[in-house]
């Protein structure tokens, strides 16, 4: 098992403290709407990333990943943020070796994260 695999397994899907902080700052209703947008954008961006991956378009992947990891960080989606960072680094460095493995881990983390976010809405 690689270092990134060990670390990503220890990261929570969602940082509950971050969501509580956002709720305190924004209010429950605003946070609920924003989480809905996060779910929708995550789905759309995730599909676009998968298409770029299928075409092995590393530049396009890096652009989608940059946007996704930023959104994940904003909402405390720590595992997706971490894996997105690792994937973006691979794309920018044109490292194809761990790309598929990271991509599959990221897709699984995104699906699990979005499912958990739905529970908060």
C-alpha atoms as a PDB file:
ATOM      1  CA  UNK A   1       0.000   0.000   0.000  1.00  0.00           C
ATOM      2  CA  UNK A   2       1.361   3.411  -0.966  1.00  0.00           C
ATOM      3  CA  UNK A   3       1.604   6.442   1.298  1.00  0.00           C
ATOM      4  CA  UNK A   4      -1.279   8.218  -0.440  1.00  0.00           C
ATOM      5  CA  UNK A   5      -3.489   5.151  -0.032  1.00  0.00           C
ATOM      6  CA  UNK A   6      -2.778   4.917   3.691  1.00  0.00           C
ATOM      7  CA  UNK A   7      -3.351   8.615   4.244  1.00  0.00           C
ATOM      8  CA  UNK A   8      -6.561   8.863   2.236  1.00  0.00           C
ATOM      9  CA  UNK A   9      -8.048   5.996   4.227  1.00  0.00           C
ATOM     10  CA  UNK A  10      -7.477   7.940   7.442  1.00  0.00           C
ATOM     11  CA  UNK A  11      -9.087  11.125   6.157  1.00  0.00           C
ATOM     12  CA  UNK A  12     -12.790  11.551   6.837  1.00  0.00           C
ATOM     13  CA  UNK A  13     -15.130  12.020   3.920  1.00  0.00           C
ATOM     14  CA  UNK A  14     -16.508  15.156   5.576  1.00  0.00           C
ATOM     15  CA  UNK A  15     -15.156  17.366   8.305  1.00  0.00           C
ATOM     16  CA  UNK A  16     -18.223  17.763  10.495  1.00  0.00           C
ATOM     17  CA  UNK A  17     -16.641  20.724  12.291  1.00  0.00           C
ATOM     18  CA  UNK A  18     -16.342  22.581   8.982  1.00  0.00           C
ATOM     19  CA  UNK A  19     -20.018  22.005   8.235  1.00  0.00           C
ATOM     20  CA  UNK A  20     -20.960  23.207  11.717  1.00  0.00           C
ATOM     21  CA  UNK A  21     -18.810  26.291  11.217  1.00  0.00           C
ATOM     22  CA  UNK A  22     -20.483  27.031   7.886  1.00  0.00           C
ATOM     23  CA  UNK A  23     -23.917  26.553   9.404  1.00  0.00           C
ATOM     24  CA  UNK A  24     -23.045  28.987  12.183  1.00  0.00           C
ATOM     25  CA  UNK A  25     -21.760  31.564   9.711  1.00  0.00           C
ATOM     26  CA  UNK A  26     -24.389  31.173   6.993  1.00  0.00           C
ATOM     27  CA  UNK A  27     -27.419  29.674   8.668  1.00  0.00           C
ATOM     28  CA  UNK A  28     -28.937  26.256   8.109  1.00  0.00           C
ATOM     29  CA  UNK A  29     -31.067  27.206   5.098  1.00  0.00           C
ATOM     30  CA  UNK A  30     -28.241  28.847   3.153  1.00  0.00           C
ATOM     31  CA  UNK A  31     -25.932  25.933   3.909  1.00  0.00           C
ATOM     32  CA  UNK A  32     -28.599  23.480   2.751  1.00  0.00           C
ATOM     33  CA  UNK A  33     -28.886  25.302  -0.584  1.00  0.00           C
ATOM     34  CA  UNK A  34     -25.115  25.516  -0.980  1.00  0.00           C
ATOM     35  CA  UNK A  35     -24.728  21.814  -0.273  1.00  0.00           C
ATOM     36  CA  UNK A  36     -27.310  21.149  -2.973  1.00  0.00           C
ATOM     37  CA  UNK A  37     -25.210  23.165  -5.415  1.00  0.00           C
ATOM     38  CA  UNK A  38     -22.087  21.316  -4.275  1.00  0.00           C
ATOM     39  CA  UNK A  39     -23.780  17.983  -4.992  1.00  0.00           C
ATOM     40  CA  UNK A  40     -24.892  19.085  -8.446  1.00  0.00           C
ATOM     41  CA  UNK A  41     -21.558  20.665  -9.346  1.00  0.00           C
ATOM     42  CA  UNK A  42     -19.670  17.656  -7.999  1.00  0.00           C
ATOM     43  CA  UNK A  43     -21.717  15.375 -10.209  1.00  0.00           C
ATOM     44  CA  UNK A  44     -21.249  17.544 -13.311  1.00  0.00           C
ATOM     45  CA  UNK A  45     -17.549  18.190 -12.736  1.00  0.00           C
ATOM     46  CA  UNK A  46     -17.016  14.525 -11.864  1.00  0.00           C
ATOM     47  CA  UNK A  47     -18.562  13.470 -15.168  1.00  0.00           C
ATOM     48  CA  UNK A  48     -16.433  15.999 -17.057  1.00  0.00           C
ATOM     49  CA  UNK A  49     -13.339  14.733 -15.262  1.00  0.00           C
ATOM     50  CA  UNK A  50     -14.217  11.135 -16.138  1.00  0.00           C
ATOM     51  CA  UNK A  51     -14.577  12.118 -19.796  1.00  0.00           C
ATOM     52  CA  UNK A  52     -11.201  13.881 -19.751  1.00  0.00           C
ATOM     53  CA  UNK A  53      -9.678  10.818 -18.083  1.00  0.00           C
ATOM     54  CA  UNK A  54     -11.146   8.523 -20.745  1.00  0.00           C
ATOM     55  CA  UNK A  55      -9.507  10.714 -23.383  1.00  0.00           C
ATOM     56  CA  UNK A  56      -6.286  10.939 -21.340  1.00  0.00           C
ATOM     57  CA  UNK A  57      -6.503  14.738 -21.597  1.00  0.00           C
ATOM     58  CA  UNK A  58      -4.280  15.603 -18.644  1.00  0.00           C
ATOM     59  CA  UNK A  59      -4.580  19.355 -19.097  1.00  0.00           C
ATOM     60  CA  UNK A  60      -8.376  19.254 -19.015  1.00  0.00           C
ATOM     61  CA  UNK A  61      -8.264  16.883 -16.054  1.00  0.00           C
ATOM     62  CA  UNK A  62      -6.022  19.302 -14.151  1.00  0.00           C
ATOM     63  CA  UNK A  63      -8.457  22.177 -14.761  1.00  0.00           C
ATOM     64  CA  UNK A  64     -11.444  20.181 -13.497  1.00  0.00           C
ATOM     65  CA  UNK A  65      -9.481  18.887 -10.530  1.00  0.00           C
ATOM     66  CA  UNK A  66      -8.373  22.359  -9.522  1.00  0.00           C
ATOM     67  CA  UNK A  67     -11.975  23.508  -9.379  1.00  0.00           C
ATOM     68  CA  UNK A  68     -13.182  20.362  -7.633  1.00  0.00           C
ATOM     69  CA  UNK A  69     -10.530  20.322  -4.932  1.00  0.00           C
ATOM     70  CA  UNK A  70     -11.269  23.955  -4.136  1.00  0.00           C
ATOM     71  CA  UNK A  71     -14.980  23.231  -3.716  1.00  0.00           C
ATOM     72  CA  UNK A  72     -14.194  20.137  -1.655  1.00  0.00           C
ATOM     73  CA  UNK A  73     -11.966  22.178   0.627  1.00  0.00           C
ATOM     74  CA  UNK A  74     -14.673  24.785   1.120  1.00  0.00           C
ATOM     75  CA  UNK A  75     -17.147  22.196   2.394  1.00  0.00           C
ATOM     76  CA  UNK A  76     -14.716  20.031   4.333  1.00  0.00           C
ATOM     77  CA  UNK A  77     -14.696  17.108   1.890  1.00  0.00           C
ATOM     78  CA  UNK A  78     -11.203  16.205   3.028  1.00  0.00           C
ATOM     79  CA  UNK A  79     -10.678  12.881   1.284  1.00  0.00           C
ATOM     80  CA  UNK A  80     -11.810  14.222  -2.088  1.00  0.00           C
ATOM     81  CA  UNK A  81      -9.723  17.336  -1.624  1.00  0.00           C
ATOM     82  CA  UNK A  82      -6.618  15.269  -0.849  1.00  0.00           C
ATOM     83  CA  UNK A  83      -7.110  12.842  -3.735  1.00  0.00           C
ATOM     84  CA  UNK A  84      -7.928  15.733  -6.070  1.00  0.00           C
ATOM     85  CA  UNK A  85      -4.651  17.389  -5.119  1.00  0.00           C
ATOM     86  CA  UNK A  86      -2.728  14.173  -5.793  1.00  0.00           C
ATOM     87  CA  UNK A  87      -4.462  13.701  -9.136  1.00  0.00           C
ATOM     88  CA  UNK A  88      -3.885  17.301 -10.166  1.00  0.00           C
ATOM     89  CA  UNK A  89      -0.179  16.954  -9.360  1.00  0.00           C
ATOM     90  CA  UNK A  90       0.044  13.823 -11.522  1.00  0.00           C
ATOM     91  CA  UNK A  91      -1.686  15.595 -14.392  1.00  0.00           C
ATOM     92  CA  UNK A  92       0.480  18.698 -14.200  1.00  0.00           C
ATOM     93  CA  UNK A  93       3.641  16.568 -14.006  1.00  0.00           C
ATOM     94  CA  UNK A  94       2.319  14.313 -16.781  1.00  0.00           C
ATOM     95  CA  UNK A  95       2.779  11.255 -14.573  1.00  0.00           C
ATOM     96  CA  UNK A  96       0.566   8.568 -16.019  1.00  0.00           C
ATOM     97  CA  UNK A  97       1.772   5.778 -13.719  1.00  0.00           C
ATOM     98  CA  UNK A  98      -0.515   6.215 -10.671  1.00  0.00           C
ATOM     99  CA  UNK A  99      -3.201   8.110 -12.602  1.00  0.00           C
ATOM    100  CA  UNK A 100      -5.747   5.313 -13.058  1.00  0.00           C
ATOM    101  CA  UNK A 101      -5.449   4.103  -9.476  1.00  0.00           C
ATOM    102  CA  UNK A 102      -5.830   7.636  -8.114  1.00  0.00           C
ATOM    103  CA  UNK A 103      -8.740   8.333 -10.434  1.00  0.00           C
ATOM    104  CA  UNK A 104     -10.656   5.273  -9.274  1.00  0.00           C
ATOM    105  CA  UNK A 105      -9.975   6.147  -5.629  1.00  0.00           C
ATOM    106  CA  UNK A 106     -11.136   9.718  -6.255  1.00  0.00           C
ATOM    107  CA  UNK A 107     -14.328   8.583  -8.002  1.00  0.00           C
ATOM    108  CA  UNK A 108     -15.178   6.285  -5.094  1.00  0.00           C
ATOM    109  CA  UNK A 109     -14.453   9.045  -2.580  1.00  0.00           C
ATOM    110  CA  UNK A 110     -16.597  11.512  -4.530  1.00  0.00           C
ATOM    111  CA  UNK A 111     -19.546   9.119  -4.670  1.00  0.00           C
ATOM    112  CA  UNK A 112     -19.272   8.407  -0.940  1.00  0.00           C
ATOM    113  CA  UNK A 113     -18.831  12.094  -0.112  1.00  0.00           C
ATOM    114  CA  UNK A 114     -21.832  13.209  -2.149  1.00  0.00           C
ATOM    115  CA  UNK A 115     -23.940  10.505  -0.502  1.00  0.00           C
ATOM    116  CA  UNK A 116     -22.874  11.757   2.920  1.00  0.00           C
ATOM    117  CA  UNK A 117     -23.544  15.385   1.951  1.00  0.00           C
ATOM    118  CA  UNK A 118     -27.079  14.399   0.912  1.00  0.00           C
ATOM    119  CA  UNK A 119     -27.666  13.255   4.495  1.00  0.00           C
ATOM    120  CA  UNK A 120     -26.798  16.757   5.737  1.00  0.00           C
ATOM    121  CA  UNK A 121     -29.360  18.405   3.530  1.00  0.00           C
END
